[in-house]
PDB file of all heavy atoms in Angstrom:
ATOM      1  N   GLU A   1      -3.748  -8.723 -12.154  1.00  0.00           N
ATOM      2  CA  GLU A   1      -5.026  -9.352 -12.499  1.00  0.00           C
ATOM      3  C   GLU A   1      -5.199  -9.112 -13.992  1.00  0.00           C
ATOM      4  O   GLU A   1      -5.702  -8.073 -14.418  1.00  0.00           O
ATOM      5  CB  GLU A   1      -6.157  -8.729 -11.685  1.00  0.00           C
ATOM      6  CG  GLU A   1      -7.498  -9.360 -11.884  1.00  0.00           C
ATOM      7  CD  GLU A   1      -7.591 -10.760 -11.299  1.00  0.00           C
ATOM      8  OE1 GLU A   1      -6.979 -11.043 -10.266  1.00  0.00           O
ATOM      9  OE2 GLU A   1      -8.299 -11.577 -11.913  1.00  0.00           O
ATOM     10  N   GLY A   2      -4.720 -10.060 -14.797  1.00  0.00           N
ATOM     11  CA  GLY A   2      -4.677  -9.838 -16.239  1.00  0.00           C
ATOM     12  C   GLY A   2      -3.623  -8.782 -16.537  1.00  0.00           C
ATOM     13  O   GLY A   2      -2.483  -8.893 -16.103  1.00  0.00           O
ATOM     14  N   THR A   3      -4.022  -7.742 -17.228  1.00  0.00           N
ATOM     15  CA  THR A   3      -3.090  -6.658 -17.555  1.00  0.00           C
ATOM     16  C   THR A   3      -3.142  -5.524 -16.538  1.00  0.00           C
ATOM     17  O   THR A   3      -2.436  -4.534 -16.690  1.00  0.00           O
ATOM     18  CB  THR A   3      -3.410  -6.086 -18.952  1.00  0.00           C
ATOM     19  OG1 THR A   3      -4.756  -5.598 -18.948  1.00  0.00           O
ATOM     20  CG2 THR A   3      -3.246  -7.143 -20.027  1.00  0.00           C
ATOM     21  N   VAL A   4      -3.967  -5.662 -15.530  1.00  0.00           N
ATOM     22  CA  VAL A   4      -4.153  -4.600 -14.533  1.00  0.00           C
ATOM     23  C   VAL A   4      -3.294  -4.890 -13.309  1.00  0.00           C
ATOM     24  O   VAL A   4      -3.264  -6.013 -12.811  1.00  0.00           O
ATOM     25  CB  VAL A   4      -5.641  -4.489 -14.128  1.00  0.00           C
ATOM     26  CG1 VAL A   4      -5.838  -3.389 -13.105  1.00  0.00           C
ATOM     27  CG2 VAL A   4      -6.515  -4.252 -15.342  1.00  0.00           C
ATOM     28  N   LYS A   5      -2.602  -3.855 -12.824  1.00  0.00           N
ATOM     29  CA  LYS A   5      -1.808  -3.967 -11.603  1.00  0.00           C
ATOM     30  C   LYS A   5      -2.637  -3.391 -10.458  1.00  0.00           C
ATOM     31  O   LYS A   5      -3.180  -2.300 -10.576  1.00  0.00           O
ATOM     32  CB  LYS A   5      -0.500  -3.214 -11.738  1.00  0.00           C
ATOM     33  CG  LYS A   5       0.400  -3.796 -12.794  1.00  0.00           C
ATOM     34  CD  LYS A   5       1.670  -3.017 -12.943  1.00  0.00           C
ATOM     35  CE  LYS A   5       2.385  -3.537 -14.148  1.00  0.00           C
ATOM     36  NZ  LYS A   5       3.723  -3.789 -14.044  1.00  0.00           N
ATOM     37  N   LEU A   6      -2.727  -4.156  -9.365  1.00  0.00           N
ATOM     38  CA  LEU A   6      -3.513  -3.729  -8.213  1.00  0.00           C
ATOM     39  C   LEU A   6      -2.632  -3.703  -6.967  1.00  0.00           C
ATOM     40  O   LEU A   6      -1.746  -4.550  -6.816  1.00  0.00           O
ATOM     41  CB  LEU A   6      -4.672  -4.699  -7.970  1.00  0.00           C
ATOM     42  CG  LEU A   6      -5.691  -4.830  -9.086  1.00  0.00           C
ATOM     43  CD1 LEU A   6      -5.519  -6.139  -9.802  1.00  0.00           C
ATOM     44  CD2 LEU A   6      -7.071  -4.743  -8.523  1.00  0.00           C
ATOM     45  N   ILE A   7      -2.911  -2.745  -6.093  1.00  0.00           N
ATOM     46  CA  ILE A   7      -2.287  -2.693  -4.773  1.00  0.00           C
ATOM     47  C   ILE A   7      -3.405  -2.523  -3.761  1.00  0.00           C
ATOM     48  O   ILE A   7      -4.157  -1.541  -3.815  1.00  0.00           O
ATOM     49  CB  ILE A   7      -1.278  -1.537  -4.647  1.00  0.00           C
ATOM     50  CG1 ILE A   7      -0.114  -1.721  -5.622  1.00  0.00           C
ATOM     51  CG2 ILE A   7      -0.756  -1.461  -3.211  1.00  0.00           C
ATOM     52  CD1 ILE A   7       0.912  -0.608  -5.582  1.00  0.00           C
ATOM     53  N   PHE A   8      -3.527  -3.486  -2.854  1.00  0.00           N
ATOM     54  CA  PHE A   8      -4.526  -3.423  -1.798  1.00  0.00           C
ATOM     55  C   PHE A   8      -3.838  -2.996  -0.511  1.00  0.00           C
ATOM     56  O   PHE A   8      -2.771  -3.508  -0.185  1.00  0.00           O
ATOM     57  CB  PHE A   8      -5.211  -4.780  -1.612  1.00  0.00           C
ATOM     58  CG  PHE A   8      -6.051  -5.185  -2.784  1.00  0.00           C
ATOM     59  CD1 PHE A   8      -5.536  -6.006  -3.774  1.00  0.00           C
ATOM     60  CD2 PHE A   8      -7.349  -4.727  -2.899  1.00  0.00           C
ATOM     61  CE1 PHE A   8      -6.298  -6.364  -4.865  1.00  0.00           C
ATOM     62  CE2 PHE A   8      -8.126  -5.084  -3.989  1.00  0.00           C
ATOM     63  CZ  PHE A   8      -7.605  -5.901  -4.976  1.00  0.00           C
ATOM     64  N   SER A   9      -4.453  -2.068   0.182  1.00  0.00           N
ATOM     65  CA  SER A   9      -3.897  -1.581   1.440  1.00  0.00           C
ATOM     66  C   SER A   9      -5.025  -1.359   2.429  1.00  0.00           C
ATOM     67  O   SER A   9      -6.202  -1.444   2.081  1.00  0.00           O
ATOM     68  CB  SER A   9      -3.142  -0.268   1.193  1.00  0.00           C
ATOM     69  OG  SER A   9      -2.450   0.119   2.347  1.00  0.00           O
ATOM     70  N   SER A  10      -4.663  -1.053   3.661  1.00  0.00           N
ATOM     71  CA  SER A  10      -5.675  -0.758   4.681  1.00  0.00           C
ATOM     72  C   SER A  10      -6.278   0.616   4.410  1.00  0.00           C
ATOM     73  O   SER A  10      -5.850   1.321   3.498  1.00  0.00           O
ATOM     74  CB  SER A  10      -5.041  -0.812   6.072  1.00  0.00           C
ATOM     75  OG  SER A  10      -3.939   0.075   6.129  1.00  0.00           O
ATOM     76  N   THR A  11      -7.260   0.998   5.200  1.00  0.00           N
ATOM     77  CA  THR A  11      -7.874   2.317   5.023  1.00  0.00           C
ATOM     78  C   THR A  11      -6.811   3.396   5.203  1.00  0.00           C
ATOM     79  O   THR A  11      -5.769   3.162   5.831  1.00  0.00           O
ATOM     80  CB  THR A  11      -9.008   2.562   6.036  1.00  0.00           C
ATOM     81  OG1 THR A  11      -8.448   2.571   7.348  1.00  0.00           O
ATOM     82  CG2 THR A  11     -10.103   1.521   5.909  1.00  0.00           C
ATOM     83  N   LEU A  12      -7.056   4.552   4.663  1.00  0.00           N
ATOM     84  CA  LEU A  12      -6.090   5.645   4.763  1.00  0.00           C
ATOM     85  C   LEU A  12      -5.797   6.001   6.220  1.00  0.00           C
ATOM     86  O   LEU A  12      -4.649   6.279   6.572  1.00  0.00           O
ATOM     87  CB  LEU A  12      -6.595   6.869   3.995  1.00  0.00           C
ATOM     88  CG  LEU A  12      -6.628   6.698   2.476  1.00  0.00           C
ATOM     89  CD1 LEU A  12      -7.410   7.831   1.828  1.00  0.00           C
ATOM     90  CD2 LEU A  12      -5.217   6.609   1.914  1.00  0.00           C
ATOM     91  N   GLN A  13      -6.826   5.965   7.080  1.00  0.00           N
ATOM     92  CA  GLN A  13      -6.625   6.283   8.489  1.00  0.00           C
ATOM     93  C   GLN A  13      -5.701   5.262   9.145  1.00  0.00           C
ATOM     94  O   GLN A  13      -4.796   5.621   9.900  1.00  0.00           O
ATOM     95  CB  GLN A  13      -7.970   6.329   9.248  1.00  0.00           C
ATOM     96  CG  GLN A  13      -8.915   7.396   8.784  1.00  0.00           C
ATOM     97  CD  GLN A  13      -9.836   6.935   7.644  1.00  0.00           C
ATOM     98  OE1 GLN A  13      -9.545   5.980   6.915  1.00  0.00           O
ATOM     99  NE2 GLN A  13     -10.939   7.634   7.472  1.00  0.00           N
ATOM    100  N   GLN A  14      -5.913   3.970   8.887  1.00  0.00           N
ATOM    101  CA  GLN A  14      -5.069   2.924   9.460  1.00  0.00           C
ATOM    102  C   GLN A  14      -3.657   2.981   8.896  1.00  0.00           C
ATOM    103  O   GLN A  14      -2.677   2.808   9.618  1.00  0.00           O
ATOM    104  CB  GLN A  14      -5.681   1.542   9.205  1.00  0.00           C
ATOM    105  CG  GLN A  14      -6.960   1.297   9.949  1.00  0.00           C
ATOM    106  CD  GLN A  14      -7.660   0.016   9.479  1.00  0.00           C
ATOM    107  OE1 GLN A  14      -7.436  -0.469   8.381  1.00  0.00           O
ATOM    108  NE2 GLN A  14      -8.530  -0.504  10.333  1.00  0.00           N
ATOM    109  N   LEU A  15      -3.539   3.241   7.611  1.00  0.00           N
ATOM    110  CA  LEU A  15      -2.232   3.323   6.971  1.00  0.00           C
ATOM    111  C   LEU A  15      -1.431   4.491   7.512  1.00  0.00           C
ATOM    112  O   LEU A  15      -0.214   4.390   7.682  1.00  0.00           O
ATOM    113  CB  LEU A  15      -2.401   3.444   5.452  1.00  0.00           C
ATOM    114  CG  LEU A  15      -1.129   3.392   4.615  1.00  0.00           C
ATOM    115  CD1 LEU A  15      -0.414   2.054   4.795  1.00  0.00           C
ATOM    116  CD2 LEU A  15      -1.457   3.632   3.152  1.00  0.00           C
ATOM    117  N   ASP A  16      -2.104   5.590   7.822  1.00  0.00           N
ATOM    118  CA  ASP A  16      -1.424   6.766   8.357  1.00  0.00           C
ATOM    119  C   ASP A  16      -0.758   6.450   9.695  1.00  0.00           C
ATOM    120  O   ASP A  16       0.276   7.027  10.023  1.00  0.00           O
ATOM    121  CB  ASP A  16      -2.420   7.922   8.513  1.00  0.00           C
ATOM    122  CG  ASP A  16      -1.739   9.222   8.896  1.00  0.00           C
ATOM    123  OD1 ASP A  16      -0.730   9.567   8.226  1.00  0.00           O
ATOM    124  OD2 ASP A  16      -2.184   9.877   9.852  1.00  0.00           O
ATOM    125  N   GLU A  17      -1.323   5.534  10.458  1.00  0.00           N
ATOM    126  CA  GLU A  17      -0.790   5.178  11.776  1.00  0.00           C
ATOM    127  C   GLU A  17       0.119   3.947  11.725  1.00  0.00           C
ATOM    128  O   GLU A  17       0.541   3.451  12.773  1.00  0.00           O
ATOM    129  CB  GLU A  17      -1.948   4.927  12.737  1.00  0.00           C
ATOM    130  CG  GLU A  17      -2.796   6.162  12.953  1.00  0.00           C
ATOM    131  CD  GLU A  17      -4.078   5.872  13.712  1.00  0.00           C
ATOM    132  OE1 GLU A  17      -4.302   4.711  14.123  1.00  0.00           O
ATOM    133  OE2 GLU A  17      -4.868   6.813  13.874  1.00  0.00           O
ATOM    134  N   ASP A  18       0.447   3.446  10.538  1.00  0.00           N
ATOM    135  CA  ASP A  18       1.250   2.235  10.384  1.00  0.00           C
ATOM    136  C   ASP A  18       2.517   2.534   9.585  1.00  0.00           C
ATOM    137  O   ASP A  18       2.531   2.429   8.356  1.00  0.00           O
ATOM    138  CB  ASP A  18       0.415   1.173   9.669  1.00  0.00           C
ATOM    139  CG  ASP A  18       1.153  -0.130   9.467  1.00  0.00           C
ATOM    140  OD1 ASP A  18       2.232  -0.325  10.073  1.00  0.00           O
ATOM    141  OD2 ASP A  18       0.636  -0.973   8.705  1.00  0.00           O
ATOM    142  N   PRO A  19       3.629   2.919  10.268  1.00  0.00           N
ATOM    143  CA  PRO A  19       4.869   3.253   9.548  1.00  0.00           C
ATOM    144  C   PRO A  19       5.414   2.085   8.718  1.00  0.00           C
ATOM    145  O   PRO A  19       5.897   2.296   7.606  1.00  0.00           O
ATOM    146  CB  PRO A  19       5.853   3.626  10.657  1.00  0.00           C
ATOM    147  CG  PRO A  19       5.061   3.784  11.893  1.00  0.00           C
ATOM    148  CD  PRO A  19       3.761   3.092  11.703  1.00  0.00           C
ATOM    149  N   ASN A  20       5.307   0.865   9.224  1.00  0.00           N
ATOM    150  CA  ASN A  20       5.797  -0.292   8.481  1.00  0.00           C
ATOM    151  C   ASN A  20       4.961  -0.513   7.213  1.00  0.00           C
ATOM    152  O   ASN A  20       5.503  -0.812   6.149  1.00  0.00           O
ATOM    153  CB  ASN A  20       5.787  -1.542   9.367  1.00  0.00           C
ATOM    154  CG  ASN A  20       6.504  -2.700   8.720  1.00  0.00           C
ATOM    155  OD1 ASN A  20       7.554  -2.509   8.111  1.00  0.00           O
ATOM    156  ND2 ASN A  20       5.945  -3.889   8.845  1.00  0.00           N
ATOM    157  N   GLY A  21       3.654  -0.366   7.326  1.00  0.00           N
ATOM    158  CA  GLY A  21       2.776  -0.503   6.159  1.00  0.00           C
ATOM    159  C   GLY A  21       3.094   0.544   5.100  1.00  0.00           C
ATOM    160  O   GLY A  21       3.103   0.239   3.900  1.00  0.00           O
ATOM    161  N   LYS A  22       3.363   1.790   5.533  1.00  0.00           N
ATOM    162  CA  LYS A  22       3.710   2.854   4.585  1.00  0.00           C
ATOM    163  C   LYS A  22       5.025   2.534   3.877  1.00  0.00           C
ATOM    164  O   LYS A  22       5.156   2.770   2.672  1.00  0.00           O
ATOM    165  CB  LYS A  22       3.812   4.198   5.295  1.00  0.00           C
ATOM    166  CG  LYS A  22       2.462   4.795   5.659  1.00  0.00           C
ATOM    167  CD  LYS A  22       2.580   6.233   6.066  1.00  0.00           C
ATOM    168  CE  LYS A  22       2.821   6.358   7.542  1.00  0.00           C
ATOM    169  NZ  LYS A  22       2.735   7.740   8.032  1.00  0.00           N
ATOM    170  N   LYS A  23       5.972   1.975   4.606  1.00  0.00           N
ATOM    171  CA  LYS A  23       7.277   1.643   4.035  1.00  0.00           C
ATOM    172  C   LYS A  23       7.118   0.566   2.957  1.00  0.00           C
ATOM    173  O   LYS A  23       7.681   0.672   1.870  1.00  0.00           O
ATOM    174  CB  LYS A  23       8.207   1.167   5.144  1.00  0.00           C
ATOM    175  CG  LYS A  23       9.599   0.860   4.691  1.00  0.00           C
ATOM    176  CD  LYS A  23      10.455   0.435   5.869  1.00  0.00           C
ATOM    177  CE  LYS A  23      11.843   0.045   5.432  1.00  0.00           C
ATOM    178  NZ  LYS A  23      12.674  -0.398   6.549  1.00  0.00           N
ATOM    179  N   ILE A  24       6.343  -0.475   3.259  1.00  0.00           N
ATOM    180  CA  ILE A  24       6.107  -1.552   2.287  1.00  0.00           C
ATOM    181  C   ILE A  24       5.353  -1.013   1.067  1.00  0.00           C
ATOM    182  O   ILE A  24       5.681  -1.332  -0.077  1.00  0.00           O
ATOM    183  CB  ILE A  24       5.337  -2.715   2.939  1.00  0.00           C
ATOM    184  CG1 ILE A  24       6.179  -3.351   4.042  1.00  0.00           C
ATOM    185  CG2 ILE A  24       4.932  -3.758   1.904  1.00  0.00           C
ATOM    186  CD1 ILE A  24       5.416  -4.340   4.913  1.00  0.00           C
ATOM    187  N   LEU A  25       4.358  -0.161   1.316  1.00  0.00           N
ATOM    188  CA  LEU A  25       3.591   0.442   0.217  1.00  0.00           C
ATOM    189  C   LEU A  25       4.499   1.277  -0.672  1.00  0.00           C
ATOM    190  O   LEU A  25       4.405   1.217  -1.893  1.00  0.00           O
ATOM    191  CB  LEU A  25       2.436   1.287   0.761  1.00  0.00           C
ATOM    192  CG  LEU A  25       1.598   2.016  -0.284  1.00  0.00           C
ATOM    193  CD1 LEU A  25       0.901   1.019  -1.216  1.00  0.00           C
ATOM    194  CD2 LEU A  25       0.573   2.914   0.387  1.00  0.00           C
ATOM    195  N   TRP A  26       5.386   2.059  -0.089  1.00  0.00           N
ATOM    196  CA  TRP A  26       6.288   2.906  -0.864  1.00  0.00           C
ATOM    197  C   TRP A  26       7.162   2.043  -1.777  1.00  0.00           C
ATOM    198  O   TRP A  26       7.383   2.379  -2.938  1.00  0.00           O
ATOM    199  CB  TRP A  26       7.130   3.779   0.050  1.00  0.00           C
ATOM    200  CG  TRP A  26       8.141   4.571  -0.709  1.00  0.00           C
ATOM    201  CD1 TRP A  26       9.497   4.490  -0.603  1.00  0.00           C
ATOM    202  CD2 TRP A  26       7.888   5.552  -1.723  1.00  0.00           C
ATOM    203  NE1 TRP A  26      10.099   5.339  -1.478  1.00  0.00           N
ATOM    204  CE2 TRP A  26       9.134   6.016  -2.188  1.00  0.00           C
ATOM    205  CE3 TRP A  26       6.727   6.064  -2.299  1.00  0.00           C
ATOM    206  CZ2 TRP A  26       9.263   6.966  -3.186  1.00  0.00           C
ATOM    207  CZ3 TRP A  26       6.861   7.025  -3.296  1.00  0.00           C
ATOM    208  CH2 TRP A  26       8.100   7.471  -3.725  1.00  0.00           C
ATOM    209  N   GLY A  27       7.651   0.907  -1.255  1.00  0.00           N
ATOM    210  CA  GLY A  27       8.448   0.005  -2.095  1.00  0.00           C
ATOM    211  C   GLY A  27       7.639  -0.529  -3.277  1.00  0.00           C
ATOM    212  O   GLY A  27       8.154  -0.643  -4.388  1.00  0.00           O
ATOM    213  N   SER A  28       6.383  -0.842  -3.038  1.00  0.00           N
ATOM    214  CA  SER A  28       5.511  -1.331  -4.116  1.00  0.00           C
ATOM    215  C   SER A  28       5.224  -0.233  -5.127  1.00  0.00           C
ATOM    216  O   SER A  28       5.181  -0.493  -6.345  1.00  0.00           O
ATOM    217  CB  SER A  28       4.199  -1.855  -3.543  1.00  0.00           C
ATOM    218  OG  SER A  28       4.441  -2.972  -2.721  1.00  0.00           O
ATOM    219  N   LEU A  29       5.033   0.994  -4.668  1.00  0.00           N
ATOM    220  CA  LEU A  29       4.767   2.107  -5.588  1.00  0.00           C
ATOM    221  C   LEU A  29       5.958   2.359  -6.492  1.00  0.00           C
ATOM    222  O   LEU A  29       5.794   2.669  -7.676  1.00  0.00           O
ATOM    223  CB  LEU A  29       4.408   3.369  -4.789  1.00  0.00           C
ATOM    224  CG  LEU A  29       3.094   3.350  -4.024  1.00  0.00           C
ATOM    225  CD1 LEU A  29       2.956   4.593  -3.162  1.00  0.00           C
ATOM    226  CD2 LEU A  29       1.911   3.211  -4.968  1.00  0.00           C
ATOM    227  N   LYS A  30       7.155   2.199  -5.966  1.00  0.00           N
ATOM    228  CA  LYS A  30       8.366   2.394  -6.783  1.00  0.00           C
ATOM    229  C   LYS A  30       8.449   1.333  -7.875  1.00  0.00           C
ATOM    230  O   LYS A  30       8.962   1.600  -8.967  1.00  0.00           O
ATOM    231  CB  LYS A  30       9.621   2.373  -5.905  1.00  0.00           C
ATOM    232  CG  LYS A  30       9.755   3.625  -5.052  1.00  0.00           C
ATOM    233  CD  LYS A  30      11.150   3.802  -4.473  1.00  0.00           C
ATOM    234  CE  LYS A  30      11.490   2.738  -3.461  1.00  0.00           C
ATOM    235  NZ  LYS A  30      12.747   2.993  -2.742  1.00  0.00           N
TER     236      LYS A  30
END
């Protein structure tokens, strides 16, 4: 968004129970 990089994810509680979501997030963080 302009010069800002954003990553949107589910709530921390939902993400904790979603192994596939964590895997995709980890790839984005890298």
